[in-house]
PDB file of N, CA and C in Angstrom:
ATOM      1  N   MET A   1      12.790  -8.847  17.414  1.00  0.00           N
ATOM      2  CA  MET A   1      11.885  -8.672  16.304  1.00  0.00           C
ATOM      3  C   MET A   1      10.580  -9.423  16.534  1.00  0.00           C
ATOM      4  N   ARG A   2      10.656 -10.578  17.173  1.00  0.00           N
ATOM      5  CA  ARG A   2       9.439 -11.352  17.436  1.00  0.00           C
ATOM      6  C   ARG A   2       8.509 -10.597  18.377  1.00  0.00           C
ATOM      7  N   ALA A   3       9.083  -9.876  19.324  1.00  0.00           N
ATOM      8  CA  ALA A   3       8.254  -9.114  20.260  1.00  0.00           C
ATOM      9  C   ALA A   3       7.480  -8.020  19.534  1.00  0.00           C
ATOM     10  N   VAL A   4       8.113  -7.390  18.562  1.00  0.00           N
ATOM     11  CA  VAL A   4       7.452  -6.344  17.795  1.00  0.00           C
ATOM     12  C   VAL A   4       6.297  -6.936  16.992  1.00  0.00           C
ATOM     13  N   ILE A   5       6.541  -8.036  16.296  1.00  0.00           N
ATOM     14  CA  ILE A   5       5.497  -8.682  15.491  1.00  0.00           C
ATOM     15  C   ILE A   5       4.372  -9.185  16.395  1.00  0.00           C
ATOM     16  N   TYR A   6       4.711  -9.711  17.566  1.00  0.00           N
ATOM     17  CA  TYR A   6       3.703 -10.191  18.505  1.00  0.00           C
ATOM     18  C   TYR A   6       2.799  -9.055  18.961  1.00  0.00           C
ATOM     19  N   ARG A   7       3.377  -7.890  19.243  1.00  0.00           N
ATOM     20  CA  ARG A   7       2.577  -6.736  19.679  1.00  0.00           C
ATOM     21  C   ARG A   7       1.657  -6.258  18.571  1.00  0.00           C
ATOM     22  N   ILE A   8       2.147  -6.264  17.341  1.00  0.00           N
ATOM     23  CA  ILE A   8       1.321  -5.821  16.222  1.00  0.00           C
ATOM     24  C   ILE A   8       0.190  -6.815  15.979  1.00  0.00           C
ATOM     25  N   GLN A   9       0.484  -8.118  16.025  1.00  0.00           N
ATOM     26  CA  GLN A   9      -0.534  -9.130  15.763  1.00  0.00           C
ATOM     27  C   GLN A   9      -1.618  -9.137  16.835  1.00  0.00           C
ATOM     28  N   ASN A  10      -1.271  -8.829  18.067  1.00  0.00           N
ATOM     29  CA  ASN A  10      -2.253  -8.815  19.147  1.00  0.00           C
ATOM     30  C   ASN A  10      -3.059  -7.525  19.188  1.00  0.00           C
ATOM     31  N   GLY A  11      -2.726  -6.584  18.338  1.00  0.00           N
ATOM     32  CA  GLY A  11      -3.493  -5.350  18.274  1.00  0.00           C
ATOM     33  C   GLY A  11      -3.146  -4.339  19.340  1.00  0.00           C
ATOM     34  N   GLU A  12      -2.023  -4.514  20.026  1.00  0.00           N
ATOM     35  CA  GLU A  12      -1.613  -3.531  21.021  1.00  0.00           C
ATOM     36  C   GLU A  12      -1.216  -2.242  20.317  1.00  0.00           C
ATOM     37  N   ARG A  13      -1.643  -1.131  20.855  1.00  0.00           N
ATOM     38  CA  ARG A  13      -1.303   0.157  20.259  1.00  0.00           C
ATOM     39  C   ARG A  13       0.155   0.463  20.583  1.00  0.00           C
ATOM     40  N   TRP A  14       0.875   0.832  19.540  1.00  0.00           N
ATOM     41  CA  TRP A  14       2.284   1.124  19.676  1.00  0.00           C
ATOM     42  C   TRP A  14       2.569   2.331  18.804  1.00  0.00           C
ATOM     43  N   PHE A  15       2.902   3.445  19.441  1.00  0.00           N
ATOM     44  CA  PHE A  15       3.009   4.715  18.740  1.00  0.00           C
ATOM     45  C   PHE A  15       4.026   4.674  17.599  1.00  0.00           C
ATOM     46  N   ALA A  16       5.163   4.038  17.800  1.00  0.00           N
ATOM     47  CA  ALA A  16       6.194   3.993  16.758  1.00  0.00           C
ATOM     48  C   ALA A  16       5.698   3.225  15.530  1.00  0.00           C
ATOM     49  N   ALA A  17       4.974   2.131  15.744  1.00  0.00           N
ATOM     50  CA  ALA A  17       4.437   1.365  14.612  1.00  0.00           C
ATOM     51  C   ALA A  17       3.357   2.158  13.893  1.00  0.00           C
ATOM     52  N   GLU A  18       2.490   2.825  14.669  1.00  0.00           N
ATOM     53  CA  GLU A  18       1.451   3.669  14.062  1.00  0.00           C
ATOM     54  C   GLU A  18       2.081   4.728  13.170  1.00  0.00           C
ATOM     55  N   LEU A  19       3.039   5.431  13.725  1.00  0.00           N
ATOM     56  CA  LEU A  19       3.677   6.527  12.996  1.00  0.00           C
ATOM     57  C   LEU A  19       4.440   6.019  11.780  1.00  0.00           C
ATOM     58  N   GLY A  20       5.216   4.963  11.948  1.00  0.00           N
ATOM     59  CA  GLY A  20       6.025   4.440  10.852  1.00  0.00           C
ATOM     60  C   GLY A  20       5.194   3.933   9.690  1.00  0.00           C
ATOM     61  N   LEU A  21       4.167   3.146   9.980  1.00  0.00           N
ATOM     62  CA  LEU A  21       3.347   2.587   8.908  1.00  0.00           C
ATOM     63  C   LEU A  21       2.506   3.655   8.218  1.00  0.00           C
ATOM     64  N   ARG A  22       2.000   4.605   8.982  1.00  0.00           N
ATOM     65  CA  ARG A  22       1.205   5.669   8.367  1.00  0.00           C
ATOM     66  C   ARG A  22       2.077   6.617   7.548  1.00  0.00           C
ATOM     67  N   LEU A  23       3.291   6.879   8.003  1.00  0.00           N
ATOM     68  CA  LEU A  23       4.208   7.697   7.196  1.00  0.00           C
ATOM     69  C   LEU A  23       4.620   6.963   5.923  1.00  0.00           C
ATOM     70  N   ALA A  24       4.766   5.644   6.005  1.00  0.00           N
ATOM     71  CA  ALA A  24       5.049   4.866   4.799  1.00  0.00           C
ATOM     72  C   ALA A  24       3.888   4.979   3.812  1.00  0.00           C
ATOM     73  N   GLY A  25       2.660   4.985   4.320  1.00  0.00           N
ATOM     74  CA  GLY A  25       1.496   5.173   3.455  1.00  0.00           C
ATOM     75  C   GLY A  25       1.488   6.535   2.798  1.00  0.00           C
ATOM     76  N   VAL A  26       1.835   7.574   3.564  1.00  0.00           N
ATOM     77  CA  VAL A  26       1.899   8.924   3.001  1.00  0.00           C
ATOM     78  C   VAL A  26       2.993   8.999   1.938  1.00  0.00           C
ATOM     79  N   ALA A  27       4.134   8.368   2.205  1.00  0.00           N
ATOM     80  CA  ALA A  27       5.234   8.380   1.231  1.00  0.00           C
ATOM     81  C   ALA A  27       4.832   7.670  -0.064  1.00  0.00           C
ATOM     82  N   LEU A  28       4.142   6.548   0.051  1.00  0.00           N
ATOM     83  CA  LEU A  28       3.691   5.835  -1.141  1.00  0.00           C
ATOM     84  C   LEU A  28       2.674   6.659  -1.930  1.00  0.00           C
ATOM     85  N   LEU A  29       1.799   7.364  -1.227  1.00  0.00           N
ATOM     86  CA  LEU A  29       0.834   8.218  -1.922  1.00  0.00           C
ATOM     87  C   LEU A  29       1.524   9.412  -2.578  1.00  0.00           C
ATOM     88  N   ALA A  30       2.581   9.920  -1.958  1.00  0.00           N
ATOM     89  CA  ALA A  30       3.342  11.018  -2.568  1.00  0.00           C
ATOM     90  C   ALA A  30       4.051  10.538  -3.836  1.00  0.00           C
ATOM     91  N   ILE A  31       4.608   9.336  -3.799  1.00  0.00           N
ATOM     92  CA  ILE A  31       5.229   8.761  -4.998  1.00  0.00           C
ATOM     93  C   ILE A  31       4.175   8.575  -6.083  1.00  0.00           C
ATOM     94  N   CYS A  32       2.996   8.118  -5.693  1.00  0.00           N
ATOM     95  CA  CYS A  32       1.893   7.942  -6.641  1.00  0.00           C
ATOM     96  C   CYS A  32       1.516   9.275  -7.282  1.00  0.00           C
ATOM     97  N   ALA A  33       1.409  10.322  -6.492  1.00  0.00           N
ATOM     98  CA  ALA A  33       1.033  11.636  -7.022  1.00  0.00           C
ATOM     99  C   ALA A  33       2.109  12.174  -7.965  1.00  0.00           C
ATOM    100  N   GLY A  34       3.370  12.043  -7.573  1.00  0.00           N
ATOM    101  CA  GLY A  34       4.461  12.517  -8.430  1.00  0.00           C
ATOM    102  C   GLY A  34       4.527  11.772  -9.748  1.00  0.00           C
ATOM    103  N   ALA A  35       4.374  10.466  -9.689  1.00  0.00           N
ATOM    104  CA  ALA A  35       4.405   9.665 -10.919  1.00  0.00           C
ATOM    105  C   ALA A  35       3.194   9.962 -11.796  1.00  0.00           C
ATOM    106  N   THR A  36       2.050  10.244 -11.178  1.00  0.00           N
ATOM    107  CA  THR A  36       0.856  10.593 -11.948  1.00  0.00           C
ATOM    108  C   THR A  36       1.057  11.900 -12.700  1.00  0.00           C
ATOM    109  N   LEU A  37       1.610  12.901 -12.032  1.00  0.00           N
ATOM    110  CA  LEU A  37       1.865  14.181 -12.697  1.00  0.00           C
ATOM    111  C   LEU A  37       2.871  14.016 -13.836  1.00  0.00           C
ATOM    112  N   TRP A  38       3.911  13.234 -13.596  1.00  0.00           N
ATOM    113  CA  TRP A  38       4.914  13.014 -14.640  1.00  0.00           C
ATOM    114  C   TRP A  38       4.297  12.292 -15.834  1.00  0.00           C
ATOM    115  N   LEU A  39       3.444  11.291 -15.565  1.00  0.00           N
ATOM    116  CA  LEU A  39       2.782  10.572 -16.655  1.00  0.00           C
ATOM    117  C   LEU A  39       1.830  11.472 -17.426  1.00  0.00           C
ATOM    118  N   TYR A  40       1.129  12.337 -16.729  1.00  0.00           N
ATOM    119  CA  TYR A  40       0.213  13.256 -17.410  1.00  0.00           C
ATOM    120  C   TYR A  40       0.980  14.142 -18.383  1.00  0.00           C
ATOM    121  N   ARG A  41       2.110  14.654 -17.943  1.00  0.00           N
ATOM    122  CA  ARG A  41       2.924  15.487 -18.831  1.00  0.00           C
ATOM    123  C   ARG A  41       3.510  14.667 -19.984  1.00  0.00           C
ATOM    124  N   ALA A  42       3.877  13.440 -19.718  1.00  0.00           N
ATOM    125  CA  ALA A  42       4.449  12.590 -20.767  1.00  0.00           C
ATOM    126  C   ALA A  42       3.417  12.247 -21.837  1.00  0.00           C
ATOM    127  N   VAL A  43       2.170  12.070 -21.428  1.00  0.00           N
ATOM    128  CA  VAL A  43       1.119  11.723 -22.388  1.00  0.00           C
ATOM    129  C   VAL A  43       0.829  12.897 -23.320  1.00  0.00           C
ATOM    130  N   HIS A  44       0.883  14.105 -22.794  1.00  0.00           N
ATOM    131  CA  HIS A  44       0.545  15.281 -23.590  1.00  0.00           C
ATOM    132  C   HIS A  44       1.743  15.916 -24.289  1.00  0.00           C
ATOM    133  N   ARG A  45       2.879  15.287 -24.213  1.00  0.00           N
ATOM    134  CA  ARG A  45       4.081  15.807 -24.885  1.00  0.00           C
ATOM    135  C   ARG A  45       4.049  15.424 -26.365  1.00  0.00           C
ATOM    136  N   LEU A  46       4.352  16.378 -27.210  1.00  0.00           N
ATOM    137  CA  LEU A  46       4.406  16.122 -28.649  1.00  0.00           C
ATOM    138  C   LEU A  46       5.826  15.779 -29.048  1.00  0.00           C
ATOM    139  N   PRO A  47       6.077  15.022 -30.045  1.00  0.00           N
ATOM    140  CA  PRO A  47       5.149  14.290 -30.895  1.00  0.00           C
ATOM    141  C   PRO A  47       4.604  13.057 -30.169  1.00  0.00           C
ATOM    142  N   LEU A  48       3.478  12.573 -30.649  1.00  0.00           N
ATOM    143  CA  LEU A  48       2.874  11.384 -30.056  1.00  0.00           C
ATOM    144  C   LEU A  48       3.821  10.198 -30.197  1.00  0.00           C
ATOM    145  N   HIS A  49       3.880   9.382 -29.165  1.00  0.00           N
ATOM    146  CA  HIS A  49       4.814   8.255 -29.161  1.00  0.00           C
ATOM    147  C   HIS A  49       4.206   7.090 -28.390  1.00  0.00           C
ATOM    148  N   THR A  50       4.773   5.920 -28.589  1.00  0.00           N
ATOM    149  CA  THR A  50       4.335   4.764 -27.804  1.00  0.00           C
ATOM    150  C   THR A  50       4.974   4.844 -26.425  1.00  0.00           C
ATOM    151  N   ALA A  51       4.420   4.116 -25.497  1.00  0.00           N
ATOM    152  CA  ALA A  51       4.918   4.157 -24.122  1.00  0.00           C
ATOM    153  C   ALA A  51       6.323   3.572 -24.045  1.00  0.00           C
ATOM    154  N   SER A  52       7.189   4.294 -23.368  1.00  0.00           N
ATOM    155  CA  SER A  52       8.559   3.804 -23.160  1.00  0.00           C
ATOM    156  C   SER A  52       8.597   2.944 -21.898  1.00  0.00           C
ATOM    157  N   GLY A  53       9.715   2.319 -21.664  1.00  0.00           N
ATOM    158  CA  GLY A  53       9.884   1.501 -20.469  1.00  0.00           C
ATOM    159  C   GLY A  53       9.781   2.328 -19.194  1.00  0.00           C
ATOM    160  N   LEU A  54      10.291   3.542 -19.235  1.00  0.00           N
ATOM    161  CA  LEU A  54      10.226   4.422 -18.067  1.00  0.00           C
ATOM    162  C   LEU A  54       8.780   4.820 -17.764  1.00  0.00           C
ATOM    163  N   GLU A  55       7.996   5.044 -18.803  1.00  0.00           N
ATOM    164  CA  GLU A  55       6.586   5.389 -18.598  1.00  0.00           C
ATOM    165  C   GLU A  55       5.801   4.200 -18.043  1.00  0.00           C
ATOM    166  N   LEU A  56       6.116   3.002 -18.495  1.00  0.00           N
ATOM    167  CA  LEU A  56       5.469   1.813 -17.949  1.00  0.00           C
ATOM    168  C   LEU A  56       5.858   1.594 -16.491  1.00  0.00           C
ATOM    169  N   LEU A  57       7.107   1.876 -16.156  1.00  0.00           N
ATOM    170  CA  LEU A  57       7.549   1.773 -14.773  1.00  0.00           C
ATOM    171  C   LEU A  57       6.840   2.800 -13.901  1.00  0.00           C
ATOM    172  N   ALA A  58       6.652   4.017 -14.413  1.00  0.00           N
ATOM    173  CA  ALA A  58       5.934   5.048 -13.667  1.00  0.00           C
ATOM    174  C   ALA A  58       4.477   4.650 -13.460  1.00  0.00           C
ATOM    175  N   ALA A  59       3.863   4.052 -14.471  1.00  0.00           N
ATOM    176  CA  ALA A  59       2.481   3.594 -14.331  1.00  0.00           C
ATOM    177  C   ALA A  59       2.368   2.501 -13.271  1.00  0.00           C
ATOM    178  N   THR A  60       3.359   1.626 -13.217  1.00  0.00           N
ATOM    179  CA  THR A  60       3.386   0.600 -12.179  1.00  0.00           C
ATOM    180  C   THR A  60       3.536   1.231 -10.802  1.00  0.00           C
ATOM    181  N   ALA A  61       4.367   2.258 -10.689  1.00  0.00           N
ATOM    182  CA  ALA A  61       4.532   2.969  -9.420  1.00  0.00           C
ATOM    183  C   ALA A  61       3.235   3.639  -8.990  1.00  0.00           C
ATOM    184  N   VAL A  62       2.476   4.151  -9.949  1.00  0.00           N
ATOM    185  CA  VAL A  62       1.187   4.769  -9.616  1.00  0.00           C
ATOM    186  C   VAL A  62       0.235   3.733  -9.032  1.00  0.00           C
ATOM    187  N   VAL A  63       0.117   2.603  -9.696  1.00  0.00           N
ATOM    188  CA  VAL A  63      -0.822   1.572  -9.238  1.00  0.00           C
ATOM    189  C   VAL A  63      -0.409   1.016  -7.882  1.00  0.00           C
ATOM    190  N   LEU A  64       0.857   0.671  -7.729  1.00  0.00           N
ATOM    191  CA  LEU A  64       1.316   0.116  -6.451  1.00  0.00           C
ATOM    192  C   LEU A  64       1.271   1.152  -5.335  1.00  0.00           C
ATOM    193  N   GLY A  65       1.623   2.389  -5.641  1.00  0.00           N
ATOM    194  CA  GLY A  65       1.559   3.440  -4.631  1.00  0.00           C
ATOM    195  C   GLY A  65       0.141   3.663  -4.137  1.00  0.00           C
ATOM    196  N   TRP A  66      -0.822   3.633  -5.046  1.00  0.00           N
ATOM    197  CA  TRP A  66      -2.216   3.829  -4.668  1.00  0.00           C
ATOM    198  C   TRP A  66      -2.741   2.627  -3.875  1.00  0.00           C
ATOM    199  N   CYS A  67      -2.448   1.418  -4.379  1.00  0.00           N
ATOM    200  CA  CYS A  67      -2.981   0.199  -3.752  1.00  0.00           C
ATOM    201  C   CYS A  67      -2.358  -0.104  -2.395  1.00  0.00           C
ATOM    202  N   LEU A  68      -1.126   0.298  -2.177  1.00  0.00           N
ATOM    203  CA  LEU A  68      -0.468   0.030  -0.900  1.00  0.00           C
ATOM    204  C   LEU A  68      -0.495   1.238   0.034  1.00  0.00           C
ATOM    205  N   GLY A  69      -0.544   2.433  -0.517  1.00  0.00           N
ATOM    206  CA  GLY A  69      -0.491   3.638   0.304  1.00  0.00           C
ATOM    207  C   GLY A  69      -1.739   3.865   1.125  1.00  0.00           C
ATOM    208  N   TRP A  70      -2.915   3.720   0.511  1.00  0.00           N
ATOM    209  CA  TRP A  70      -4.155   3.973   1.245  1.00  0.00           C
ATOM    210  C   TRP A  70      -4.362   3.005   2.409  1.00  0.00           C
ATOM    211  N   PRO A  71      -4.200   1.697   2.228  1.00  0.00           N
ATOM    212  CA  PRO A  71      -4.382   0.810   3.392  1.00  0.00           C
ATOM    213  C   PRO A  71      -3.395   1.112   4.519  1.00  0.00           C
ATOM    214  N   LEU A  72      -2.139   1.422   4.177  1.00  0.00           N
ATOM    215  CA  LEU A  72      -1.182   1.743   5.233  1.00  0.00           C
ATOM    216  C   LEU A  72      -1.558   3.029   5.945  1.00  0.00           C
ATOM    217  N   LEU A  73      -2.035   4.012   5.209  1.00  0.00           N
ATOM    218  CA  LEU A  73      -2.407   5.282   5.829  1.00  0.00           C
ATOM    219  C   LEU A  73      -3.655   5.141   6.688  1.00  0.00           C
ATOM    220  N   VAL A  74      -4.650   4.420   6.209  1.00  0.00           N
ATOM    221  CA  VAL A  74      -5.923   4.336   6.920  1.00  0.00           C
ATOM    222  C   VAL A  74      -5.866   3.339   8.076  1.00  0.00           C
ATOM    223  N   GLU A  75      -5.349   2.149   7.846  1.00  0.00           N
ATOM    224  CA  GLU A  75      -5.365   1.099   8.862  1.00  0.00           C
ATOM    225  C   GLU A  75      -4.115   1.080   9.735  1.00  0.00           C
ATOM    226  N   GLY A  76      -2.971   1.354   9.168  1.00  0.00           N
ATOM    227  CA  GLY A  76      -1.727   1.304   9.933  1.00  0.00           C
ATOM    228  C   GLY A  76      -1.433  -0.113  10.399  1.00  0.00           C
ATOM    229  N   PRO A  77      -1.101  -0.287  11.678  1.00  0.00           N
ATOM    230  CA  PRO A  77      -0.787  -1.623  12.187  1.00  0.00           C
ATOM    231  C   PRO A  77      -1.978  -2.576  12.204  1.00  0.00           C
ATOM    232  N   GLY A  78      -3.180  -2.060  12.027  1.00  0.00           N
ATOM    233  CA  GLY A  78      -4.357  -2.920  11.997  1.00  0.00           C
ATOM    234  C   GLY A  78      -4.340  -3.910  10.846  1.00  0.00           C
ATOM    235  N   LEU A  79      -3.504  -3.659   9.844  1.00  0.00           N
ATOM    236  CA  LEU A  79      -3.386  -4.595   8.727  1.00  0.00           C
ATOM    237  C   LEU A  79      -2.794  -5.933   9.150  1.00  0.00           C
ATOM    238  N   PHE A  80      -2.063  -5.942  10.252  1.00  0.00           N
ATOM    239  CA  PHE A  80      -1.343  -7.143  10.663  1.00  0.00           C
ATOM    240  C   PHE A  80      -2.007  -7.866  11.828  1.00  0.00           C
ATOM    241  N   ARG A  81      -3.232  -7.472  12.192  1.00  0.00           N
ATOM    242  CA  ARG A  81      -3.952  -8.169  13.254  1.00  0.00           C
ATOM    243  C   ARG A  81      -4.324  -9.572  12.795  1.00  0.00           C
ATOM    244  N   LEU A  82      -4.314 -10.490  13.718  1.00  0.00           N
ATOM    245  CA  LEU A  82      -4.721 -11.858  13.396  1.00  0.00           C
ATOM    246  C   LEU A  82      -6.234 -11.920  13.259  1.00  0.00           C
ATOM    247  N   VAL A  83      -6.701 -12.648  12.263  1.00  0.00           N
ATOM    248  CA  VAL A  83      -8.124 -12.789  12.002  1.00  0.00           C
ATOM    249  C   VAL A  83      -8.513 -14.235  12.309  1.00  0.00           C
ATOM    250  N   PRO A  84      -9.508 -14.443  13.172  1.00  0.00           N
ATOM    251  CA  PRO A  84      -9.917 -15.828  13.461  1.00  0.00           C
ATOM    252  C   PRO A  84     -10.585 -16.467  12.248  1.00  0.00           C
ATOM    253  N   LEU A  85     -10.177 -17.666  11.940  1.00  0.00           N
ATOM    254  CA  LEU A  85     -10.736 -18.422  10.821  1.00  0.00           C
ATOM    255  C   LEU A  85     -11.423 -19.662  11.360  1.00  0.00           C
ATOM    256  N   PRO A  86     -12.484 -20.125  10.689  1.00  0.00           N
ATOM    257  CA  PRO A  86     -13.126 -21.360  11.132  1.00  0.00           C
ATOM    258  C   PRO A  86     -12.176 -22.548  10.960  1.00  0.00           C
ATOM    259  N   GLY A  87     -12.329 -23.540  11.822  1.00  0.00           N
ATOM    260  CA  GLY A  87     -11.431 -24.676  11.824  1.00  0.00           C
ATOM    261  C   GLY A  87     -11.510 -25.563  10.607  1.00  0.00           C
ATOM    262  N   HIS A  88     -12.718 -25.900  10.175  1.00  0.00           N
ATOM    263  CA  HIS A  88     -12.889 -26.831   9.067  1.00  0.00           C
ATOM    264  C   HIS A  88     -13.923 -26.283   8.111  1.00  0.00           C
ATOM    265  N   TRP A  89     -13.766 -26.614   6.839  1.00  0.00           N
ATOM    266  CA  TRP A  89     -14.746 -26.188   5.845  1.00  0.00           C
ATOM    267  C   TRP A  89     -16.077 -26.906   6.068  1.00  0.00           C
ATOM    268  N   GLU A  90     -16.048 -28.107   6.633  1.00  0.00           N
ATOM    269  CA  GLU A  90     -17.279 -28.862   6.838  1.00  0.00           C
ATOM    270  C   GLU A  90     -18.195 -28.181   7.845  1.00  0.00           C
ATOM    271  N   SER A  91     -17.661 -27.379   8.726  1.00  0.00           N
ATOM    272  CA  SER A  91     -18.480 -26.760   9.760  1.00  0.00           C
ATOM    273  C   SER A  91     -19.236 -25.534   9.269  1.00  0.00           C
ATOM    274  N   ILE A  92     -19.032 -25.145   8.023  1.00  0.00           N
ATOM    275  CA  ILE A  92     -19.720 -23.983   7.468  1.00  0.00           C
ATOM    276  C   ILE A  92     -20.924 -24.471   6.677  1.00  0.00           C
ATOM    277  N   ASP A  93     -22.115 -24.020   7.029  1.00  0.00           N
ATOM    278  CA  ASP A  93     -23.332 -24.392   6.311  1.00  0.00           C
ATOM    279  C   ASP A  93     -23.488 -23.467   5.118  1.00  0.00           C
ATOM    280  N   LEU A  94     -23.618 -24.056   3.933  1.00  0.00           N
ATOM    281  CA  LEU A  94     -23.805 -23.268   2.728  1.00  0.00           C
ATOM    282  C   LEU A  94     -25.243 -23.255   2.294  1.00  0.00           C
TER     283      LEU A  94
END
């Protein structure tokens, strides 16, 4: 497992990681779309009612699916690349 994480962090292209992470992004976006359609129908259903627990859970699935699906689809393994950070806050001129 460490070898896999090491390859992803170093930015080495790995077809299985690309495919897996991007498919996970597509799956999250599909869940987001399905939950959005279900919520749209629930909002327009008569009689008018307050939001149920299931509707709140679906709304959470929409937000998380959108927020996590797009970065996984667009960036893929690039999300896990190491980013160089400055050593000390004192070395940054403000």
